[in-house]
Amino acid sequence: MQLILDAIYNFFATAHWVDITAVITGIIYVILAARNHIACWPFGIVSSALAMYAVFYFYDLYIETFLQGF
């Protein structure tokens, strides 16, 4: 359990705000989608868009950007 908490802490301590926002909106999307709530769609779109931005500009994974958009 401590290993998982350390990994989460390290992610939030070292990640860019775009990555953190993408993760948080992705988690909200999954929770709302599991409840069949229509508000899940904006969170999913924001999460995917931020992940595309981060993958393209920060990590230079150009093909992954198109995969995330798909």
Protein backbone atom coordinates (compact mmCIF):
# COMPACT_ATOMS: atom_id res chain seq x y z
CA MET A 1 0.00 0.00 0.00
CA GLN A 2 2.83 2.37 0.82
CA LEU A 3 4.33 1.79 -2.62
CA ILE A 4 1.09 2.87 -4.29
CA LEU A 5 0.82 5.97 -2.14
CA ASP A 6 4.44 6.87 -2.92
CA ALA A 7 3.78 6.49 -6.64
CA ILE A 8 0.71 8.73 -6.44
CA TYR A 9 2.62 11.32 -4.43
CA ASN A 10 5.53 11.29 -6.89
CA PHE A 11 3.16 11.74 -9.82
CA PHE A 12 1.47 14.78 -8.30
CA ALA A 13 4.78 16.22 -7.11
CA THR A 14 6.54 16.01 -10.47
CA ALA A 15 3.79 16.16 -13.11
CA HIS A 16 2.79 19.22 -15.09
CA TRP A 17 -0.59 20.78 -14.33
CA VAL A 18 -1.91 19.55 -17.67
CA ASP A 19 -1.20 15.93 -16.73
CA ILE A 20 -2.78 16.34 -13.31
CA THR A 21 -5.91 17.95 -14.76
CA ALA A 22 -6.18 15.22 -17.41
CA VAL A 23 -6.00 12.52 -14.74
CA ILE A 24 -8.55 14.19 -12.47
CA THR A 25 -11.03 14.81 -15.28
CA GLY A 26 -10.50 11.23 -16.48
CA ILE A 27 -11.34 9.86 -13.05
CA ILE A 28 -14.46 12.05 -12.89
CA TYR A 29 -15.41 10.80 -16.36
CA VAL A 30 -15.16 7.15 -15.31
CA ILE A 31 -17.23 7.74 -12.16
CA LEU A 32 -19.95 9.59 -14.06
CA ALA A 33 -19.97 7.06 -16.91
CA ALA A 34 -20.40 4.21 -14.43
CA ARG A 35 -23.47 6.00 -13.10
CA ASN A 36 -24.82 6.60 -16.64
CA HIS A 37 -24.76 10.36 -16.11
CA ILE A 38 -24.76 12.49 -19.25
CA ALA A 39 -22.28 14.94 -17.72
CA CYS A 40 -19.54 12.37 -18.29
CA TRP A 41 -19.11 13.50 -21.90
CA PRO A 42 -17.58 16.96 -21.22
CA PHE A 43 -15.16 15.45 -18.72
CA GLY A 44 -14.15 12.76 -21.19
CA ILE A 45 -13.58 15.31 -23.95
CA VAL A 46 -11.51 17.57 -21.69
CA SER A 47 -9.49 14.64 -20.40
CA SER A 48 -8.71 13.38 -23.90
CA ALA A 49 -7.88 16.85 -25.20
CA LEU A 50 -5.48 17.56 -22.34
CA ALA A 51 -3.86 14.15 -22.73
CA MET A 52 -3.40 14.83 -26.45
CA TYR A 53 -1.81 18.18 -25.68
CA ALA A 54 0.54 16.72 -23.08
CA VAL A 55 1.57 13.76 -25.22
CA PHE A 56 2.27 15.97 -28.24
CA TYR A 57 4.07 18.92 -26.64
CA PHE A 58 5.71 17.49 -23.53
CA TYR A 59 6.61 13.93 -24.49
CA ASP A 60 7.00 14.19 -28.31
CA LEU A 61 4.90 11.08 -28.92
CA TYR A 62 3.25 12.24 -32.13
CA ILE A 63 1.55 8.99 -33.14
CA GLU A 64 0.16 8.60 -29.60
CA THR A 65 -1.56 11.96 -30.12
CA PHE A 66 -3.57 10.59 -33.01
CA LEU A 67 -4.35 7.42 -31.07
CA GLN A 68 -5.65 9.51 -28.16
CA GLY A 69 -7.82 11.50 -30.57
CA PHE A 70 -9.23 8.32 -32.06
